[in-house]
Amino acid sequence: MIQLDRELVEPVMVAAFEGWNDAGEAASLAVEHLTEHWGATELCSLTPDDYYDFQVTRPRMSVVEGRLHEVEWPTTRVRVARPPGSHRDVVLVVGPEPNMRWRSYTADLVAIARELGVERAVLLGSLLADAPHTRPVPVTGMVSPGGLAERHGLEPSTYSGPTGIVGVVHEGFDAAGIETVSLWAAIPHYVAQPPCPKATLALLGWVQEFSGAEVPLGDLPEESVKWESGVDDLTAEDEDIAAYVRGLEEAKDTVELPEASGDAIAQEFERYLRRREDD
């Protein structure tokens, strides 16, 4: 039973999971950013012994002046915030991807969402991709029900294959009748080391879209510019990498040319058919 000092209003849940689902730590840093800037308060955490293998996801200890100060166990934390100027609450969930019992873990998150009255879940992830760092970060998604993607202009994901906890949690929330959105930011694979503020910024833009709450960006825009400039400098030092990036840019720009759009291709094909009929 979660103890609340007030009833939550139309809450939206935003969740991210560290590890396999979190290239460049873009997703987890997005939730931590919201936690800090919205002044979120902690509601509860999941029992770590149920879901983590501590030889894989190890606890961390801190030492102060030669004495053991604390052992911090890996866990999933649930916090709540009322964004300034918003009429609704946002429930923020972040923690390492569990090592075991994924279905029970998902059931726990669904139970928490139901108890809090969550109406929509926004799940964040980031992946490595052939994406140039000089272009806007592509964000694709999976939405249940599907009409939400069209209304918000989200590019649907076409991925099929192995999944992390984001895919399993998405299925669990969908089955529970909760509107569910999974958002994935594409991180350039040649600069995979965290952080990637540009990808975090891209995810936060979509969090604002699906939560309806104004998202404070803080220093992220400036950090994104510095990150891109730093990667520019690194790639310029190696001609092979620089040539590879130019190839990615050309491929990206070609796909996004107006004449390469599906509608334009269909129209051109129709013109071709008409010309054949005339001949």
Protein backbone atom coordinates (compact mmCIF):
# COMPACT_ATOMS: atom_id res chain seq x y z
CA MET A 1 0.00 0.00 0.00
CA ILE A 2 1.50 3.31 -1.08
CA GLN A 3 1.05 6.16 1.38
CA LEU A 4 0.00 9.39 -0.36
CA ASP A 5 -0.51 12.77 1.27
CA ARG A 6 -2.90 13.75 -1.53
CA GLU A 7 -4.84 12.18 -4.36
CA LEU A 8 -2.99 12.22 -7.67
CA VAL A 9 -4.64 14.00 -10.59
CA GLU A 10 -4.71 12.25 -13.99
CA PRO A 11 -1.21 10.82 -13.45
CA VAL A 12 1.08 9.84 -16.31
CA MET A 13 3.93 7.43 -15.64
CA VAL A 14 7.34 8.01 -17.25
CA ALA A 15 9.80 5.11 -16.86
CA ALA A 16 13.33 4.21 -17.94
CA PHE A 17 15.53 1.22 -17.20
CA GLU A 18 19.32 1.29 -17.06
CA GLY A 19 21.36 -1.26 -19.00
CA TRP A 20 20.46 -2.96 -22.28
CA ASN A 21 17.60 -0.52 -22.96
CA ASP A 22 19.66 2.59 -22.24
CA ALA A 23 22.39 3.28 -24.81
CA GLY A 24 24.35 6.37 -23.85
CA GLU A 25 22.23 6.44 -20.67
CA ALA A 26 19.93 8.77 -22.61
CA ALA A 27 16.69 7.30 -21.23
CA SER A 28 17.62 7.01 -17.54
CA LEU A 29 19.19 10.49 -17.58
CA ALA A 30 15.92 11.86 -18.99
CA VAL A 31 14.00 10.54 -15.98
CA GLU A 32 16.70 11.73 -13.56
CA HIS A 33 16.54 15.16 -15.22
CA LEU A 34 12.78 15.33 -14.62
CA THR A 35 13.21 14.10 -11.05
CA GLU A 36 15.64 16.92 -10.30
CA HIS A 37 13.92 19.76 -12.14
CA TRP A 38 10.42 18.88 -10.97
CA GLY A 39 11.48 18.23 -7.38
CA ALA A 40 9.98 14.72 -7.31
CA THR A 41 9.38 12.98 -3.99
CA GLU A 42 9.90 9.26 -3.46
CA LEU A 43 6.84 7.04 -3.07
CA CYS A 44 8.27 3.53 -2.93
CA SER A 45 10.87 1.15 -4.32
CA LEU A 46 10.76 -2.47 -5.43
CA THR A 47 12.42 -5.10 -3.23
CA PRO A 48 15.84 -5.64 -4.85
CA ASP A 49 16.25 -9.26 -3.68
CA ASP A 50 13.31 -10.30 -5.86
CA TYR A 51 14.69 -9.08 -9.17
CA TYR A 52 18.47 -8.59 -9.13
CA ASP A 53 21.41 -10.96 -9.21
CA PHE A 54 23.88 -9.01 -7.11
CA GLN A 55 26.86 -10.68 -8.80
CA VAL A 56 25.65 -9.18 -12.08
CA THR A 57 24.12 -5.90 -10.90
CA ARG A 58 26.28 -5.23 -7.90
CA PRO A 59 25.47 -2.96 -4.96
CA ARG A 60 27.67 0.10 -4.51
CA MET A 61 29.36 1.21 -1.32
CA SER A 62 30.50 4.66 -0.29
CA VAL A 63 33.36 5.34 2.10
CA VAL A 64 33.73 8.59 4.06
CA GLU A 65 37.00 9.33 5.88
CA GLY A 66 37.98 5.70 5.86
CA ARG A 67 34.68 4.40 7.23
CA LEU A 68 31.95 2.55 5.37
CA HIS A 69 29.15 5.07 5.01
CA GLU A 70 26.51 3.20 3.03
CA VAL A 71 25.79 0.20 0.79
CA GLU A 72 23.33 1.17 -1.93
CA TRP A 73 21.39 -1.76 -3.37
CA PRO A 74 20.18 -1.77 -6.97
CA THR A 75 16.45 -1.18 -7.08
CA THR A 76 13.66 0.46 -9.04
CA ARG A 77 12.45 3.71 -7.47
CA VAL A 78 9.02 5.27 -7.92
CA ARG A 79 8.66 9.03 -7.41
CA VAL A 80 5.93 11.57 -8.06
CA ALA A 81 5.99 15.22 -9.13
CA ARG A 82 3.50 17.94 -9.96
CA PRO A 83 5.18 19.88 -12.81
CA PRO A 84 4.87 23.66 -12.41
CA GLY A 85 1.88 24.97 -14.33
CA SER A 86 0.46 21.47 -14.90
CA HIS A 87 -2.91 20.25 -13.67
CA ARG A 88 -1.74 16.64 -13.56
CA ASP A 89 0.86 14.56 -11.74
CA VAL A 90 3.73 12.62 -13.25
CA VAL A 91 4.97 9.35 -11.74
CA LEU A 92 8.68 8.82 -12.44
CA VAL A 93 10.16 5.31 -12.45
CA VAL A 94 13.85 4.49 -12.90
CA GLY A 95 16.12 1.59 -12.05
CA PRO A 96 18.39 -1.07 -13.53
CA GLU A 97 16.84 -3.61 -15.86
CA PRO A 98 16.01 -6.61 -13.63
CA ASN A 99 18.11 -9.75 -13.97
CA MET A 100 15.25 -12.18 -13.34
CA ARG A 101 11.48 -12.64 -12.87
CA TRP A 102 10.53 -10.10 -15.53
CA ARG A 103 6.85 -11.03 -15.50
CA SER A 104 6.58 -10.57 -11.74
CA TYR A 105 8.49 -7.31 -12.02
CA THR A 106 6.08 -6.09 -14.69
CA ALA A 107 3.11 -7.17 -12.58
CA ASP A 108 4.49 -5.11 -9.67
CA LEU A 109 4.77 -2.00 -11.87
CA VAL A 110 1.25 -2.53 -13.23
CA ALA A 111 -0.09 -2.89 -9.69
CA ILE A 112 1.63 0.36 -8.65
CA ALA A 113 0.24 2.13 -11.72
CA ARG A 114 -3.29 0.92 -10.96
CA GLU A 115 -3.05 1.93 -7.30
CA LEU A 116 -1.93 5.41 -8.31
CA GLY A 117 -4.58 5.73 -11.02
CA VAL A 118 -2.08 6.04 -13.88
CA GLU A 119 -3.86 6.72 -17.16
CA ARG A 120 -0.88 6.54 -19.53
CA ALA A 121 2.62 5.05 -19.34
CA VAL A 122 5.51 6.53 -21.33
CA LEU A 123 8.47 4.13 -21.48
CA LEU A 124 11.84 5.48 -22.58
CA GLY A 125 14.70 3.64 -24.26
CA SER A 126 17.75 4.35 -26.38
CA LEU A 127 19.62 2.15 -28.84
CA LEU A 128 22.77 2.18 -30.96
CA ALA A 129 22.15 2.86 -34.64
CA ASP A 130 23.72 4.02 -37.90
CA ALA A 131 22.73 7.59 -37.17
CA PRO A 132 24.97 10.62 -37.82
CA HIS A 133 25.58 12.79 -34.77
CA THR A 134 25.15 15.94 -36.89
CA ARG A 135 21.46 15.37 -37.60
CA PRO A 136 18.41 15.44 -35.30
CA VAL A 137 18.21 12.33 -33.13
CA PRO A 138 15.66 9.92 -34.64
CA VAL A 139 12.99 8.82 -32.17
CA THR A 140 10.70 5.95 -33.08
CA GLY A 141 8.00 4.41 -30.99
CA MET A 142 5.37 1.83 -30.31
CA VAL A 143 1.97 2.97 -29.09
CA SER A 144 -1.07 1.16 -27.73
CA PRO A 145 -3.68 1.98 -28.94
CA GLY A 146 -2.17 2.67 -32.35
CA GLY A 147 -4.17 5.80 -33.09
CA LEU A 148 -2.09 7.75 -30.56
CA ALA A 149 1.00 7.55 -32.79
CA GLU A 150 -0.84 9.11 -35.72
CA ARG A 151 -2.33 11.89 -33.59
CA HIS A 152 1.08 12.83 -32.21
CA GLY A 153 3.06 12.30 -35.41
CA LEU A 154 5.34 9.64 -33.96
CA GLU A 155 7.27 7.49 -36.43
CA PRO A 156 6.26 3.87 -35.75
CA SER A 157 8.96 1.37 -34.93
CA THR A 158 9.44 -1.52 -37.38
CA TYR A 159 11.75 -3.55 -35.11
CA SER A 160 11.13 -7.24 -34.47
CA GLY A 161 13.62 -9.27 -32.45
CA PRO A 162 15.04 -9.69 -28.93
CA THR A 163 13.60 -7.27 -26.41
CA GLY A 164 14.61 -5.77 -23.12
CA ILE A 165 12.38 -5.03 -20.16
CA VAL A 166 10.82 -2.06 -22.01
CA GLY A 167 9.08 -4.41 -24.45
CA VAL A 168 7.85 -6.69 -21.67
CA VAL A 169 6.56 -3.81 -19.54
CA HIS A 170 4.86 -2.31 -22.60
CA GLU A 171 2.98 -5.57 -23.17
CA GLY A 172 2.00 -5.77 -19.50
CA PHE A 173 0.62 -2.23 -19.36
CA ASP A 174 -1.21 -2.68 -22.66
CA ALA A 175 -2.81 -5.89 -21.39
CA ALA A 176 -3.89 -4.02 -18.24
CA GLY A 177 -5.78 -1.50 -20.38
CA ILE A 178 -3.39 1.40 -19.77
CA GLU A 179 -2.42 3.59 -22.73
CA THR A 180 1.24 2.81 -23.35
CA VAL A 181 3.93 4.57 -25.37
CA SER A 182 7.48 3.27 -25.89
CA LEU A 183 9.94 5.84 -27.24
CA TRP A 184 13.38 4.91 -28.58
CA ALA A 185 16.15 7.39 -29.37
CA ALA A 186 18.84 6.32 -31.85
CA ILE A 187 22.39 6.93 -30.58
CA PRO A 188 25.28 7.07 -33.09
CA HIS A 189 27.08 3.77 -32.48
CA TYR A 190 30.51 5.36 -32.97
CA VAL A 191 29.99 7.59 -29.92
CA ALA A 192 28.19 5.17 -27.64
CA GLN A 193 29.79 6.25 -24.36
CA PRO A 194 27.50 8.19 -22.01
CA PRO A 195 26.21 10.74 -21.62
CA CYS A 196 24.43 11.69 -24.82
CA PRO A 197 22.58 14.91 -23.95
CA LYS A 198 21.33 15.34 -27.51
CA ALA A 199 19.40 12.05 -27.29
CA THR A 200 18.13 12.87 -23.80
CA LEU A 201 16.86 16.19 -25.16
CA ALA A 202 15.07 14.41 -28.01
CA LEU A 203 13.34 12.00 -25.62
CA LEU A 204 12.25 14.83 -23.33
CA GLY A 205 10.58 16.55 -26.26
CA TRP A 206 8.39 13.49 -26.72
CA VAL A 207 7.77 13.18 -22.98
CA GLN A 208 6.30 16.68 -23.13
CA GLU A 209 4.21 15.65 -26.14
CA PHE A 210 2.69 12.59 -24.45
CA SER A 211 2.50 13.85 -20.86
CA GLY A 212 1.08 17.29 -21.60
CA ALA A 213 3.43 18.77 -18.99
CA GLU A 214 5.95 21.51 -19.76
CA VAL A 215 9.43 19.96 -19.53
CA PRO A 216 12.22 22.23 -18.26
CA LEU A 217 15.33 21.71 -20.39
CA GLY A 218 17.89 23.30 -18.07
CA ASP A 219 21.40 23.14 -19.53
CA LEU A 220 20.61 20.32 -21.95
CA PRO A 221 20.47 22.49 -25.12
CA GLU A 222 23.92 23.93 -24.39
CA GLU A 223 25.29 20.52 -23.41
CA SER A 224 23.94 19.07 -26.65
CA VAL A 225 25.75 21.71 -28.71
CA LYS A 226 28.99 21.05 -26.82
CA TRP A 227 28.54 17.28 -27.25
CA GLU A 228 28.07 17.60 -31.02
CA SER A 229 31.03 19.96 -31.29
CA GLY A 230 33.19 17.54 -29.31
CA VAL A 231 32.23 14.64 -31.58
CA ASP A 232 32.99 16.85 -34.60
CA ASP A 233 36.50 17.35 -33.26
CA LEU A 234 37.00 13.63 -32.63
CA THR A 235 35.78 12.53 -36.04
CA ALA A 236 37.90 15.19 -37.76
CA GLU A 237 41.02 13.54 -36.34
CA ASP A 238 40.39 10.31 -38.27
CA GLU A 239 39.70 10.56 -42.00
CA ASP A 240 38.15 7.09 -42.15
CA ILE A 241 35.62 7.96 -39.44
CA ALA A 242 34.99 11.37 -41.01
CA ALA A 243 34.26 9.71 -44.37
CA TYR A 244 31.97 7.21 -42.64
CA VAL A 245 30.01 10.02 -40.98
CA ARG A 246 29.68 11.85 -44.31
CA GLY A 247 28.21 8.66 -45.78
CA LEU A 248 25.68 8.44 -42.95
CA GLU A 249 24.75 12.09 -43.49
CA GLU A 250 24.23 11.57 -47.20
CA ALA A 251 22.09 8.48 -46.61
CA LYS A 252 20.01 10.29 -43.99
CA ASP A 253 19.51 13.38 -46.17
CA THR A 254 18.55 11.27 -49.20
CA VAL A 255 15.86 9.43 -47.27
CA GLU A 256 14.42 12.70 -45.97
CA LEU A 257 14.34 14.50 -49.32
CA PRO A 258 10.77 15.43 -50.28
CA GLU A 259 11.11 13.52 -53.54
CA ALA A 260 11.89 10.36 -51.55
CA SER A 261 8.66 10.46 -49.53
CA GLY A 262 6.09 7.71 -49.95
CA ASP A 263 3.43 10.08 -51.28
CA ALA A 264 5.84 11.52 -53.84
CA ILE A 265 6.87 8.05 -55.02
CA ALA A 266 3.22 7.00 -55.35
CA GLN A 267 2.41 10.12 -57.33
CA GLU A 268 5.36 9.54 -59.65
CA PHE A 269 4.26 5.93 -60.20
CA GLU A 270 0.75 7.10 -61.07
CA ARG A 271 2.21 9.57 -63.60
CA TYR A 272 4.26 6.72 -65.08
CA LEU A 273 1.14 4.58 -65.49
CA ARG A 274 -0.73 7.44 -67.14
CA ARG A 275 2.13 7.99 -69.57
CA ARG A 276 2.04 4.28 -70.51
CA GLU A 277 -1.69 4.48 -71.15
CA ASP A 278 -1.22 7.56 -73.33
CA ASP A 279 1.49 5.79 -75.33
